[in-house]
Structures are given as C-alpha cells and as structure tokens.
Amino acid sequence: MKIDRLIGMISILLQKEKVTAPYLADKFEVSRRTINRDVEDLCKAGIPIVTEQGKNGGISIAEGYKVDKTLFTSSEMQAILSGLKSLDSVSGTNRYQLLMDKLSFGSSDYVGASGPVVINLSSWYQSSLTPKFELIKDAIERKKIIEFHYYGPGGENDRIIEPRLLIFEWSSWYVWGYCLLRDDLRMFKLHRMTQIICTNEDIEEREPQLYQMNPSEVSWTNEVYVTAEFDGTMKWRLIEEFGIGSFTESDDGRLTMTISWSDKASLFSWLLGFRDHVRILEPLEYRSDFLELLDRIKTRNKFGIEGAD
C-alpha cells in the first residue's frame, strides 16, 4: 500500500500547484506523520518535493519537473476514469480512485473523472452487496471455488461454482461461472446469494469460454402470448421496458400490445404491477384466469393468508 500511496501523492502533486499535509492525510486515510515520512522518502528517491511553512504553505513539486504524458487523448482518458470511478461505487473502497490518480497524473483536464458521464453501479442493498462483490472478486483472482445458498424461481438449494466473471447486467450484479451441480456454465444474481464462502479449493482447468451477451441473439423460450390494453398513463412504462414501437395507440389514448412471456404465472405477476390500468383482451381464457387470480388475492386479504375456513 505504501508504494501505491507514494505514486498517488506524486500524481496529485503533478496535478495541483500546492496541497497541505492534512489534505493528503485525509485523501489516503493515514496520519499526518505518515505523510511527512512519505515526503522524506520521495525526496530521498530524487523527486524534487518543496515544503513551505506558514499560512499559505504546503507541499508542492518543483516547477519544471515533468513526466511523459499519457498517449490517450483527453476524451479517451475521461472514459477510462469514468469506468474506474463506477467500480468504487460498488466496491466500497477508494482503490480505483487511487488508480485514477495514477492514470491522470500530469494533466488537470480530467482530475476526478468529472466528465459528462457518471456511472453508478451501487445498489439499494449496498451494505450486503459490497462484501459479496469483494469476496467473489478475490476468489476469481485467486482461481478458487465458492459455495453459497441460492434462492431462485425454482426453489432454493446449495451451489458450488467455479467463478469466472462478475457481470453488471439487466440493472443487477451477477456472477458467471461453472456450476458443479448443473455441470455447465450458469449465471447467479448476487442479491439471491447468501452464506457465501471461498473454499480455497483450486478451480479445475477447463477449456476457456468467453462470456458473450447480445440481447438481439438471446433465445428466450416464450410459451404464452397475450394481447392487453393499457391506459395512456402507462405509456412511459411500456416505452421503458419494450420501446416506442411495441404498442399501437388509439384515438382515445389507449395502448394495445401483444406480449410474449415465458410462462403464465410470470406474465400475471408483471401485469399486476399495472393495477387497474390494464385489461386482457385475448385469449379469453387468460382473462378468466387473471380475474380468478384477483379474486384469490381479494379473498386472502379479506380473511387472512390461509383464507376462510
């Protein structure tokens, strides 16, 4: 960590005309005494550090001291820094900020990745997500097997996998790896994983496979098709989830859409989110099934979870 801190200090001093020891101490989460020792070490290494006492004093690097600039353009570096900053949003550390400081030294054009794009990969469940993220990331880097309890649509069970990648997709974090239970590559959502441990057992050498995800090439197994009508107030949601061309709009503002889904239960669960702003047009048997579901919900809310005796 010390060498990282020293490189980070050089980066900051190349970007800023002058900084104070308390500023550096806060930046690197160390004491002021540690910063003073670091300054001495930099001077011994031949870096021309200048310190000034007093009200307007501080630490600076001698004028005229230069290093080679990066071969990246400002916009290219800005994109890199924005991506790095996004990782700190989920890792719960400032390690990527320190890396940003190293990459951006010698130029003040992109200090702090303050470009036009901000990527936040954190979650409402950040306190539980960060430890999972760090544990799995460490297991991937060390090529170790992990075990965990998993809650999925088909039930819950224990899984053992050889983790390959941490993936942010569909607005959630997943781990992609070789599942020893299914004897195949699988994706697992981090929010559904509990009791995660790293076994320290080495991953078996397997034929490498690249992860590829092209939404236009994904083959979903859709078994149910329903035509539904939505209030005009739901236009924003249909556009958000399916796009502007997914429905037709009548003169009175009602929206008609044919939906394909993997199974009826999941489809009804999605339709319930529209409350009284949707009705099923066809097939008629699905309309009856949906109304029956609403009656069951009404009964359970009236008489309790177990229903009436």
C-alpha atoms as a PDB file:
ATOM      1  CA  MET A   1       0.000   0.000   0.000  1.00  0.00           C
ATOM      2  CA  LYS A   2       2.880   2.404   0.663  1.00  0.00           C
ATOM      3  CA  ILE A   3       4.134   2.342  -2.921  1.00  0.00           C
ATOM      4  CA  ASP A   4       0.569   2.922  -4.119  1.00  0.00           C
ATOM      5  CA  ARG A   5       0.299   5.892  -1.778  1.00  0.00           C
ATOM      6  CA  LEU A   6       3.612   7.355  -2.921  1.00  0.00           C
ATOM      7  CA  ILE A   7       2.652   7.082  -6.580  1.00  0.00           C
ATOM      8  CA  GLY A   8      -0.722   8.610  -5.770  1.00  0.00           C
ATOM      9  CA  MET A   9       0.978  11.520  -3.985  1.00  0.00           C
ATOM     10  CA  ILE A  10       3.194  12.184  -6.989  1.00  0.00           C
ATOM     11  CA  SER A  11       0.133  12.134  -9.237  1.00  0.00           C
ATOM     12  CA  ILE A  12      -1.675  14.690  -7.063  1.00  0.00           C
ATOM     13  CA  LEU A  13       1.366  16.942  -6.807  1.00  0.00           C
ATOM     14  CA  LEU A  14       1.742  16.921 -10.584  1.00  0.00           C
ATOM     15  CA  GLN A  15      -1.877  17.978 -10.946  1.00  0.00           C
ATOM     16  CA  LYS A  16      -2.133  20.585  -8.200  1.00  0.00           C
ATOM     17  CA  GLU A  17       0.085  23.587  -7.610  1.00  0.00           C
ATOM     18  CA  LYS A  18       0.172  23.027  -3.863  1.00  0.00           C
ATOM     19  CA  VAL A  19      -1.557  20.811  -1.282  1.00  0.00           C
ATOM     20  CA  THR A  20      -1.420  20.546   2.500  1.00  0.00           C
ATOM     21  CA  ALA A  21      -0.330  17.590   4.590  1.00  0.00           C
ATOM     22  CA  PRO A  22      -3.820  17.308   6.192  1.00  0.00           C
ATOM     23  CA  TYR A  23      -5.330  17.135   2.683  1.00  0.00           C
ATOM     24  CA  LEU A  24      -3.041  14.240   1.720  1.00  0.00           C
ATOM     25  CA  ALA A  25      -3.600  12.520   5.063  1.00  0.00           C
ATOM     26  CA  ASP A  26      -7.365  12.622   4.526  1.00  0.00           C
ATOM     27  CA  LYS A  27      -7.014  11.579   0.889  1.00  0.00           C
ATOM     28  CA  PHE A  28      -5.016   8.443   1.695  1.00  0.00           C
ATOM     29  CA  GLU A  29      -6.594   7.785   5.107  1.00  0.00           C
ATOM     30  CA  VAL A  30      -3.317   7.927   7.046  1.00  0.00           C
ATOM     31  CA  SER A  31      -1.883  10.198   9.708  1.00  0.00           C
ATOM     32  CA  ARG A  32      -0.134  13.497   9.024  1.00  0.00           C
ATOM     33  CA  ARG A  33       3.052  11.986  10.449  1.00  0.00           C
ATOM     34  CA  THR A  34       2.884   9.242   7.805  1.00  0.00           C
ATOM     35  CA  ILE A  35       2.548  11.871   5.067  1.00  0.00           C
ATOM     36  CA  ASN A  36       5.616  13.703   6.406  1.00  0.00           C
ATOM     37  CA  ARG A  37       7.613  10.452   6.283  1.00  0.00           C
ATOM     38  CA  ASP A  38       6.352   9.824   2.747  1.00  0.00           C
ATOM     39  CA  VAL A  39       7.563  13.273   1.688  1.00  0.00           C
ATOM     40  CA  GLU A  40      11.006  12.473   3.070  1.00  0.00           C
ATOM     41  CA  ASP A  41      11.039   9.164   1.179  1.00  0.00           C
ATOM     42  CA  LEU A  42      10.077  10.912  -2.081  1.00  0.00           C
ATOM     43  CA  CYS A  43      12.886  13.417  -1.615  1.00  0.00           C
ATOM     44  CA  LYS A  44      15.366  10.588  -0.998  1.00  0.00           C
ATOM     45  CA  ALA A  45      14.116   8.958  -4.221  1.00  0.00           C
ATOM     46  CA  GLY A  46      15.052  12.060  -6.190  1.00  0.00           C
ATOM     47  CA  ILE A  47      11.611  13.633  -6.535  1.00  0.00           C
ATOM     48  CA  PRO A  48      12.016  17.419  -6.039  1.00  0.00           C
ATOM     49  CA  ILE A  49       9.410  17.993  -3.297  1.00  0.00           C
ATOM     50  CA  VAL A  50       9.161  21.504  -1.827  1.00  0.00           C
ATOM     51  CA  THR A  51       7.555  22.176   1.564  1.00  0.00           C
ATOM     52  CA  GLU A  52       6.603  25.624   2.832  1.00  0.00           C
ATOM     53  CA  GLN A  53       5.523  26.547   6.360  1.00  0.00           C
ATOM     54  CA  GLY A  54       3.021  29.206   7.335  1.00  0.00           C
ATOM     55  CA  LYS A  55      -0.486  30.267   6.469  1.00  0.00           C
ATOM     56  CA  ASN A  56      -0.130  29.817   2.715  1.00  0.00           C
ATOM     57  CA  GLY A  57       2.329  26.974   2.988  1.00  0.00           C
ATOM     58  CA  GLY A  58       2.007  23.432   1.773  1.00  0.00           C
ATOM     59  CA  ILE A  59       3.625  20.692  -0.242  1.00  0.00           C
ATOM     60  CA  SER A  60       4.418  21.073  -3.930  1.00  0.00           C
ATOM     61  CA  ILE A  61       6.634  19.646  -6.611  1.00  0.00           C
ATOM     62  CA  ALA A  62       9.445  21.777  -8.031  1.00  0.00           C
ATOM     63  CA  GLU A  63       8.481  23.825 -11.061  1.00  0.00           C
ATOM     64  CA  GLY A  64       9.810  22.348 -14.276  1.00  0.00           C
ATOM     65  CA  TYR A  65       9.651  18.739 -13.092  1.00  0.00           C
ATOM     66  CA  LYS A  66       7.833  16.808 -15.811  1.00  0.00           C
ATOM     67  CA  VAL A  67       6.946  13.248 -16.764  1.00  0.00           C
ATOM     68  CA  ASP A  68       5.823  11.802 -20.068  1.00  0.00           C
ATOM     69  CA  LYS A  69       2.157  12.387 -20.721  1.00  0.00           C
ATOM     70  CA  THR A  70      -0.233   9.574 -21.487  1.00  0.00           C
ATOM     71  CA  LEU A  71      -0.749   8.544 -25.078  1.00  0.00           C
ATOM     72  CA  PHE A  72      -4.507   8.665 -24.546  1.00  0.00           C
ATOM     73  CA  THR A  73      -6.486  11.683 -25.650  1.00  0.00           C
ATOM     74  CA  SER A  74      -8.406  13.638 -23.023  1.00  0.00           C
ATOM     75  CA  SER A  75     -11.755  12.130 -24.075  1.00  0.00           C
ATOM     76  CA  GLU A  76     -10.314   8.612 -24.091  1.00  0.00           C
ATOM     77  CA  MET A  77      -8.840   9.052 -20.628  1.00  0.00           C
ATOM     78  CA  GLN A  78     -12.107  10.550 -19.390  1.00  0.00           C
ATOM     79  CA  ALA A  79     -13.950   7.413 -20.485  1.00  0.00           C
ATOM     80  CA  ILE A  80     -11.412   5.215 -18.665  1.00  0.00           C
ATOM     81  CA  LEU A  81     -11.663   7.273 -15.483  1.00  0.00           C
ATOM     82  CA  SER A  82     -15.476   7.252 -15.525  1.00  0.00           C
ATOM     83  CA  GLY A  83     -15.407   3.470 -15.715  1.00  0.00           C
ATOM     84  CA  LEU A  84     -12.919   3.197 -12.852  1.00  0.00           C
ATOM     85  CA  LYS A  85     -14.934   5.561 -10.688  1.00  0.00           C
ATOM     86  CA  SER A  86     -18.016   3.395 -11.219  1.00  0.00           C
ATOM     87  CA  LEU A  87     -16.210   0.416  -9.653  1.00  0.00           C
ATOM     88  CA  ASP A  88     -15.628   2.350  -6.429  1.00  0.00           C
ATOM     89  CA  SER A  89     -19.414   2.835  -6.225  1.00  0.00           C
ATOM     90  CA  VAL A  90     -19.858  -0.902  -5.662  1.00  0.00           C
ATOM     91  CA  SER A  91     -16.540  -1.938  -4.090  1.00  0.00           C
ATOM     92  CA  GLY A  92     -16.977   0.389  -1.112  1.00  0.00           C
ATOM     93  CA  THR A  93     -13.300   1.422  -1.289  1.00  0.00           C
ATOM     94  CA  ASN A  94     -11.234   4.168  -2.892  1.00  0.00           C
ATOM     95  CA  ARG A  95      -8.763   1.812  -4.570  1.00  0.00           C
ATOM     96  CA  TYR A  96      -9.967   2.738  -8.042  1.00  0.00           C
ATOM     97  CA  GLN A  97      -9.816   6.443  -7.164  1.00  0.00           C
ATOM     98  CA  LEU A  98      -6.141   5.923  -6.365  1.00  0.00           C
ATOM     99  CA  LEU A  99      -5.687   4.208  -9.719  1.00  0.00           C
ATOM    100  CA  MET A 100      -7.451   7.136 -11.373  1.00  0.00           C
ATOM    101  CA  ASP A 101      -4.995   9.488  -9.690  1.00  0.00           C
ATOM    102  CA  LYS A 102      -2.110   7.486 -11.116  1.00  0.00           C
ATOM    103  CA  LEU A 103      -3.547   7.352 -14.623  1.00  0.00           C
ATOM    104  CA  SER A 104      -4.407  11.025 -14.756  1.00  0.00           C
ATOM    105  CA  PHE A 105      -1.148  12.432 -13.462  1.00  0.00           C
ATOM    106  CA  GLY A 106       0.409  15.236 -15.460  1.00  0.00           C
ATOM    107  CA  SER A 107      -2.903  16.652 -16.619  1.00  0.00           C
ATOM    108  CA  SER A 108      -5.601  18.565 -14.787  1.00  0.00           C
ATOM    109  CA  ASP A 109      -8.085  18.130 -17.635  1.00  0.00           C
ATOM    110  CA  TYR A 110      -9.678  15.070 -16.097  1.00  0.00           C
ATOM    111  CA  VAL A 111      -8.959  15.203 -12.386  1.00  0.00           C
ATOM    112  CA  GLY A 112     -11.595  13.192 -10.520  1.00  0.00           C
ATOM    113  CA  ALA A 113     -13.210  11.877 -13.686  1.00  0.00           C
ATOM    114  CA  SER A 114     -15.503  14.919 -13.755  1.00  0.00           C
ATOM    115  CA  GLY A 115     -16.580  14.340 -17.333  1.00  0.00           C
ATOM    116  CA  PRO A 116     -20.072  14.335 -18.844  1.00  0.00           C
ATOM    117  CA  VAL A 117     -20.780  10.717 -17.871  1.00  0.00           C
ATOM    118  CA  VAL A 118     -21.341   9.362 -14.353  1.00  0.00           C
ATOM    119  CA  ILE A 119     -21.812   5.613 -13.873  1.00  0.00           C
ATOM    120  CA  ASN A 120     -23.128   4.433 -10.518  1.00  0.00           C
ATOM    121  CA  LEU A 121     -23.075   0.652 -10.107  1.00  0.00           C
ATOM    122  CA  SER A 122     -24.153   0.657  -6.474  1.00  0.00           C
ATOM    123  CA  SER A 123     -27.411  -0.742  -5.138  1.00  0.00           C
ATOM    124  CA  TRP A 124     -30.170  -0.105  -2.628  1.00  0.00           C
ATOM    125  CA  TYR A 125     -28.669  -3.146  -0.856  1.00  0.00           C
ATOM    126  CA  GLN A 126     -25.128  -1.763  -0.884  1.00  0.00           C
ATOM    127  CA  SER A 127     -24.276  -2.874   2.659  1.00  0.00           C
ATOM    128  CA  SER A 128     -24.835  -6.542   1.737  1.00  0.00           C
ATOM    129  CA  LEU A 129     -23.676  -6.266  -1.890  1.00  0.00           C
ATOM    130  CA  THR A 130     -20.160  -4.925  -1.261  1.00  0.00           C
ATOM    131  CA  PRO A 131     -18.900  -7.878   0.879  1.00  0.00           C
ATOM    132  CA  LYS A 132     -20.259 -10.357  -1.708  1.00  0.00           C
ATOM    133  CA  PHE A 133     -18.667  -8.425  -4.550  1.00  0.00           C
ATOM    134  CA  GLU A 134     -15.261  -8.304  -2.857  1.00  0.00           C
ATOM    135  CA  LEU A 135     -15.315 -11.982  -1.778  1.00  0.00           C
ATOM    136  CA  ILE A 136     -16.233 -13.221  -5.257  1.00  0.00           C
ATOM    137  CA  LYS A 137     -13.779 -10.880  -6.942  1.00  0.00           C
ATOM    138  CA  ASP A 138     -10.991 -12.193  -4.704  1.00  0.00           C
ATOM    139  CA  ALA A 139     -11.994 -15.811  -5.458  1.00  0.00           C
ATOM    140  CA  ILE A 140     -11.914 -15.128  -9.209  1.00  0.00           C
ATOM    141  CA  GLU A 141      -8.483 -13.511  -8.984  1.00  0.00           C
ATOM    142  CA  ARG A 142      -7.109 -16.406  -6.916  1.00  0.00           C
ATOM    143  CA  LYS A 143      -8.968 -19.030  -9.006  1.00  0.00           C
ATOM    144  CA  LYS A 144     -10.796 -20.544  -6.030  1.00  0.00           C
ATOM    145  CA  ILE A 145     -14.155 -22.336  -5.796  1.00  0.00           C
ATOM    146  CA  ILE A 146     -17.008 -20.673  -3.893  1.00  0.00           C
ATOM    147  CA  GLU A 147     -20.054 -22.165  -2.146  1.00  0.00           C
ATOM    148  CA  PHE A 148     -23.344 -20.408  -1.375  1.00  0.00           C
ATOM    149  CA  HIS A 149     -27.047 -20.855  -0.727  1.00  0.00           C
ATOM    150  CA  TYR A 150     -29.185 -19.668  -3.639  1.00  0.00           C
ATOM    151  CA  TYR A 151     -32.823 -18.576  -3.889  1.00  0.00           C
ATOM    152  CA  GLY A 152     -34.217 -18.986  -7.403  1.00  0.00           C
ATOM    153  CA  PRO A 153     -37.617 -19.157  -9.112  1.00  0.00           C
ATOM    154  CA  GLY A 154     -37.496 -22.957  -8.883  1.00  0.00           C
ATOM    155  CA  GLY A 155     -36.721 -23.016  -5.162  1.00  0.00           C
ATOM    156  CA  GLU A 156     -33.609 -22.805  -3.006  1.00  0.00           C
ATOM    157  CA  ASN A 157     -30.525 -25.001  -2.784  1.00  0.00           C
ATOM    158  CA  ASP A 158     -26.803 -25.008  -2.159  1.00  0.00           C
ATOM    159  CA  ARG A 159     -24.466 -24.360  -5.075  1.00  0.00           C
ATOM    160  CA  ILE A 160     -20.746 -24.838  -5.679  1.00  0.00           C
ATOM    161  CA  ILE A 161     -19.276 -22.952  -8.622  1.00  0.00           C
ATOM    162  CA  GLU A 162     -16.000 -22.036 -10.242  1.00  0.00           C
ATOM    163  CA  PRO A 163     -16.482 -18.253 -10.594  1.00  0.00           C
ATOM    164  CA  ARG A 164     -15.318 -16.719 -13.867  1.00  0.00           C
ATOM    165  CA  LEU A 165     -16.703 -13.177 -14.072  1.00  0.00           C
ATOM    166  CA  LEU A 166     -18.611 -10.555 -12.112  1.00  0.00           C
ATOM    167  CA  ILE A 167     -21.154  -9.050 -14.520  1.00  0.00           C
ATOM    168  CA  PHE A 168     -23.382  -5.994 -14.244  1.00  0.00           C
ATOM    169  CA  GLU A 169     -26.364  -6.620 -16.490  1.00  0.00           C
ATOM    170  CA  TRP A 170     -30.134  -6.038 -16.519  1.00  0.00           C
ATOM    171  CA  SER A 171     -29.587  -3.448 -13.728  1.00  0.00           C
ATOM    172  CA  SER A 172     -28.178  -6.083 -11.338  1.00  0.00           C
ATOM    173  CA  TRP A 173     -24.898  -7.778 -10.409  1.00  0.00           C
ATOM    174  CA  TYR A 174     -24.344 -11.430 -11.348  1.00  0.00           C
ATOM    175  CA  VAL A 175     -21.537 -13.954 -11.058  1.00  0.00           C
ATOM    176  CA  TRP A 176     -20.952 -16.154 -14.094  1.00  0.00           C
ATOM    177  CA  GLY A 177     -19.206 -19.447 -13.540  1.00  0.00           C
ATOM    178  CA  TYR A 178     -19.098 -23.202 -13.904  1.00  0.00           C
ATOM    179  CA  CYS A 179     -21.776 -24.801 -11.701  1.00  0.00           C
ATOM    180  CA  LEU A 180     -20.707 -28.203 -10.382  1.00  0.00           C
ATOM    181  CA  LEU A 181     -24.339 -29.148  -9.672  1.00  0.00           C
ATOM    182  CA  ARG A 182     -25.533 -28.485 -13.240  1.00  0.00           C
ATOM    183  CA  ASP A 183     -22.186 -29.367 -14.837  1.00  0.00           C
ATOM    184  CA  ASP A 184     -22.453 -26.262 -17.017  1.00  0.00           C
ATOM    185  CA  LEU A 185     -21.904 -22.510 -17.044  1.00  0.00           C
ATOM    186  CA  ARG A 186     -24.571 -20.553 -15.145  1.00  0.00           C
ATOM    187  CA  MET A 187     -25.431 -17.001 -14.023  1.00  0.00           C
ATOM    188  CA  PHE A 188     -26.336 -16.234 -10.403  1.00  0.00           C
ATOM    189  CA  LYS A 189     -27.732 -12.942  -9.112  1.00  0.00           C
ATOM    190  CA  LEU A 190     -25.715 -11.674  -6.150  1.00  0.00           C
ATOM    191  CA  HIS A 191     -28.821 -10.468  -4.268  1.00  0.00           C
ATOM    192  CA  ARG A 192     -30.153 -14.037  -4.193  1.00  0.00           C
ATOM    193  CA  MET A 193     -26.918 -15.487  -2.813  1.00  0.00           C
ATOM    194  CA  THR A 194     -26.379 -15.988   0.937  1.00  0.00           C
ATOM    195  CA  GLN A 195     -23.835 -17.763   3.143  1.00  0.00           C
ATOM    196  CA  ILE A 196     -21.086 -17.271   0.540  1.00  0.00           C
ATOM    197  CA  ILE A 197     -17.709 -18.765   1.392  1.00  0.00           C
ATOM    198  CA  CYS A 198     -14.475 -19.190  -0.510  1.00  0.00           C
ATOM    199  CA  THR A 199     -13.394 -22.816  -0.136  1.00  0.00           C
ATOM    200  CA  ASN A 200      -9.736 -22.139  -1.041  1.00  0.00           C
ATOM    201  CA  GLU A 201     -10.082 -25.150  -3.337  1.00  0.00           C
ATOM    202  CA  ASP A 202      -8.450 -24.515  -6.690  1.00  0.00           C
ATOM    203  CA  ILE A 203     -10.574 -24.214  -9.810  1.00  0.00           C
ATOM    204  CA  GLU A 204     -10.205 -27.112 -12.226  1.00  0.00           C
ATOM    205  CA  GLU A 205      -8.540 -26.301 -15.533  1.00  0.00           C
ATOM    206  CA  ARG A 206     -11.238 -26.272 -18.204  1.00  0.00           C
ATOM    207  CA  GLU A 207     -11.453 -25.250 -21.809  1.00  0.00           C
ATOM    208  CA  PRO A 208     -11.796 -21.432 -21.743  1.00  0.00           C
ATOM    209  CA  GLN A 209     -15.140 -19.996 -22.810  1.00  0.00           C
ATOM    210  CA  LEU A 210     -15.804 -16.323 -23.422  1.00  0.00           C
ATOM    211  CA  TYR A 211     -18.864 -14.677 -21.966  1.00  0.00           C
ATOM    212  CA  GLN A 212     -20.973 -13.049 -24.662  1.00  0.00           C
ATOM    213  CA  MET A 213     -24.288 -11.311 -24.261  1.00  0.00           C
ATOM    214  CA  ASN A 214     -26.005  -9.824 -27.274  1.00  0.00           C
ATOM    215  CA  PRO A 215     -29.676  -9.139 -26.417  1.00  0.00           C
ATOM    216  CA  SER A 216     -30.661  -9.470 -30.082  1.00  0.00           C
ATOM    217  CA  GLU A 217     -29.245 -13.002 -30.159  1.00  0.00           C
ATOM    218  CA  VAL A 218     -30.678 -14.303 -26.891  1.00  0.00           C
ATOM    219  CA  SER A 219     -33.048 -17.192 -27.404  1.00  0.00           C
ATOM    220  CA  TRP A 220     -35.856 -16.915 -24.853  1.00  0.00           C
ATOM    221  CA  THR A 221     -38.406 -19.711 -24.575  1.00  0.00           C
ATOM    222  CA  ASN A 222     -41.701 -17.805 -24.697  1.00  0.00           C
ATOM    223  CA  GLU A 223     -44.704 -20.056 -24.332  1.00  0.00           C
ATOM    224  CA  VAL A 224     -47.595 -17.638 -23.701  1.00  0.00           C
ATOM    225  CA  TYR A 225     -48.925 -14.791 -25.826  1.00  0.00           C
ATOM    226  CA  VAL A 226     -51.445 -12.228 -24.630  1.00  0.00           C
ATOM    227  CA  THR A 227     -52.944  -9.108 -26.160  1.00  0.00           C
ATOM    228  CA  ALA A 228     -53.602  -6.475 -23.498  1.00  0.00           C
ATOM    229  CA  GLU A 229     -54.895  -2.911 -23.374  1.00  0.00           C
ATOM    230  CA  PHE A 230     -53.277  -0.249 -21.176  1.00  0.00           C
ATOM    231  CA  ASP A 231     -54.293   3.229 -20.081  1.00  0.00           C
ATOM    232  CA  GLY A 232     -52.410   6.055 -21.765  1.00  0.00           C
ATOM    233  CA  THR A 233     -50.848   6.883 -18.390  1.00  0.00           C
ATOM    234  CA  MET A 234     -48.800   3.686 -18.698  1.00  0.00           C
ATOM    235  CA  LYS A 235     -47.122   4.723 -21.951  1.00  0.00           C
ATOM    236  CA  TRP A 236     -43.874   5.669 -20.159  1.00  0.00           C
ATOM    237  CA  ARG A 237     -43.541   2.186 -18.688  1.00  0.00           C
ATOM    238  CA  LEU A 238     -44.187   0.340 -21.952  1.00  0.00           C
ATOM    239  CA  ILE A 239     -41.628   2.557 -23.690  1.00  0.00           C
ATOM    240  CA  GLU A 240     -39.112   1.978 -20.885  1.00  0.00           C
ATOM    241  CA  GLU A 241     -39.480  -1.809 -20.942  1.00  0.00           C
ATOM    242  CA  PHE A 242     -40.215  -2.578 -24.599  1.00  0.00           C
ATOM    243  CA  GLY A 243     -39.576   0.531 -26.710  1.00  0.00           C
ATOM    244  CA  ILE A 244     -41.657   3.116 -28.534  1.00  0.00           C
ATOM    245  CA  GLY A 245     -42.720   0.733 -31.292  1.00  0.00           C
ATOM    246  CA  SER A 246     -44.026  -2.033 -29.045  1.00  0.00           C
ATOM    247  CA  PHE A 247     -47.680  -0.890 -28.959  1.00  0.00           C
ATOM    248  CA  THR A 248     -50.373   0.816 -31.003  1.00  0.00           C
ATOM    249  CA  GLU A 249     -52.240   3.880 -29.733  1.00  0.00           C
ATOM    250  CA  SER A 250     -55.934   4.515 -30.381  1.00  0.00           C
ATOM    251  CA  ASP A 251     -57.562   7.911 -30.805  1.00  0.00           C
ATOM    252  CA  ASP A 252     -58.704   7.915 -27.167  1.00  0.00           C
ATOM    253  CA  GLY A 253     -55.114   7.266 -25.986  1.00  0.00           C
ATOM    254  CA  ARG A 254     -55.455   3.613 -25.065  1.00  0.00           C
ATOM    255  CA  LEU A 255     -52.469   1.392 -25.811  1.00  0.00           C
ATOM    256  CA  THR A 256     -52.745  -2.119 -27.244  1.00  0.00           C
ATOM    257  CA  MET A 257     -49.839  -4.536 -27.114  1.00  0.00           C
ATOM    258  CA  THR A 258     -49.243  -8.225 -27.809  1.00  0.00           C
ATOM    259  CA  ILE A 259     -46.899  -9.669 -25.204  1.00  0.00           C
ATOM    260  CA  SER A 260     -44.937 -12.905 -25.251  1.00  0.00           C
ATOM    261  CA  TRP A 261     -43.755 -14.362 -21.949  1.00  0.00           C
ATOM    262  CA  SER A 262     -42.027 -17.457 -20.642  1.00  0.00           C
ATOM    263  CA  ASP A 263     -44.939 -18.660 -18.511  1.00  0.00           C
ATOM    264  CA  LYS A 264     -48.402 -17.549 -17.427  1.00  0.00           C
ATOM    265  CA  ALA A 265     -47.570 -17.086 -13.739  1.00  0.00           C
ATOM    266  CA  SER A 266     -44.689 -14.691 -14.514  1.00  0.00           C
ATOM    267  CA  LEU A 267     -46.827 -12.803 -17.022  1.00  0.00           C
ATOM    268  CA  PHE A 268     -49.634 -12.307 -14.493  1.00  0.00           C
ATOM    269  CA  SER A 269     -47.112 -11.158 -11.896  1.00  0.00           C
ATOM    270  CA  TRP A 270     -45.943  -8.464 -14.346  1.00  0.00           C
ATOM    271  CA  LEU A 271     -49.486  -7.409 -15.254  1.00  0.00           C
ATOM    272  CA  LEU A 272     -50.396  -6.991 -11.573  1.00  0.00           C
ATOM    273  CA  GLY A 273     -47.874  -4.165 -11.431  1.00  0.00           C
ATOM    274  CA  PHE A 274     -50.197  -2.106 -13.649  1.00  0.00           C
ATOM    275  CA  ARG A 275     -53.049  -2.384 -11.118  1.00  0.00           C
ATOM    276  CA  ASP A 276     -56.320  -1.180 -12.699  1.00  0.00           C
ATOM    277  CA  HIS A 277     -54.604   0.333 -15.741  1.00  0.00           C
ATOM    278  CA  VAL A 278     -54.604  -2.874 -17.801  1.00  0.00           C
ATOM    279  CA  ARG A 279     -57.063  -5.471 -19.102  1.00  0.00           C
ATOM    280  CA  ILE A 280     -56.508  -8.652 -21.075  1.00  0.00           C
ATOM    281  CA  LEU A 281     -58.205  -8.705 -24.460  1.00  0.00           C
ATOM    282  CA  GLU A 282     -57.271 -12.189 -25.606  1.00  0.00           C
ATOM    283  CA  PRO A 283     -57.114 -15.089 -25.250  1.00  0.00           C
ATOM    284  CA  LEU A 284     -60.352 -15.042 -23.266  1.00  0.00           C
ATOM    285  CA  GLU A 285     -59.326 -17.958 -21.050  1.00  0.00           C
ATOM    286  CA  TYR A 286     -56.347 -15.925 -19.828  1.00  0.00           C
ATOM    287  CA  ARG A 287     -58.694 -13.077 -18.946  1.00  0.00           C
ATOM    288  CA  SER A 288     -60.751 -15.521 -16.847  1.00  0.00           C
ATOM    289  CA  ASP A 289     -57.615 -16.917 -15.196  1.00  0.00           C
ATOM    290  CA  PHE A 290     -56.395 -13.411 -14.384  1.00  0.00           C
ATOM    291  CA  LEU A 291     -59.729 -12.434 -12.843  1.00  0.00           C
ATOM    292  CA  GLU A 292     -59.679 -15.637 -10.810  1.00  0.00           C
ATOM    293  CA  LEU A 293     -56.234 -14.719  -9.519  1.00  0.00           C
ATOM    294  CA  LEU A 294     -57.524 -11.289  -8.475  1.00  0.00           C
ATOM    295  CA  ASP A 295     -60.418 -12.965  -6.621  1.00  0.00           C
ATOM    296  CA  ARG A 296     -57.973 -15.198  -4.728  1.00  0.00           C
ATOM    297  CA  ILE A 297     -55.880 -12.182  -3.768  1.00  0.00           C
ATOM    298  CA  LYS A 298     -59.021 -10.377  -2.591  1.00  0.00           C
ATOM    299  CA  THR A 299     -60.111 -13.385  -0.519  1.00  0.00           C
ATOM    300  CA  ARG A 300     -56.739 -13.761   1.150  1.00  0.00           C
ATOM    301  CA  ASN A 301     -56.601 -10.090   2.029  1.00  0.00           C
ATOM    302  CA  LYS A 302     -60.108 -10.264   3.457  1.00  0.00           C
ATOM    303  CA  PHE A 303     -59.825 -13.441   5.522  1.00  0.00           C
ATOM    304  CA  GLY A 304     -56.089 -13.771   6.068  1.00  0.00           C
ATOM    305  CA  ILE A 305     -53.256 -15.590   4.332  1.00  0.00           C
ATOM    306  CA  GLU A 306     -54.785 -19.010   4.872  1.00  0.00           C
ATOM    307  CA  GLY A 307     -58.198 -17.917   3.533  1.00  0.00           C
ATOM    308  CA  ALA A 308     -61.614 -18.545   5.084  1.00  0.00           C
ATOM    309  CA  ASP A 309     -62.436 -21.754   6.913  1.00  0.00           C
END
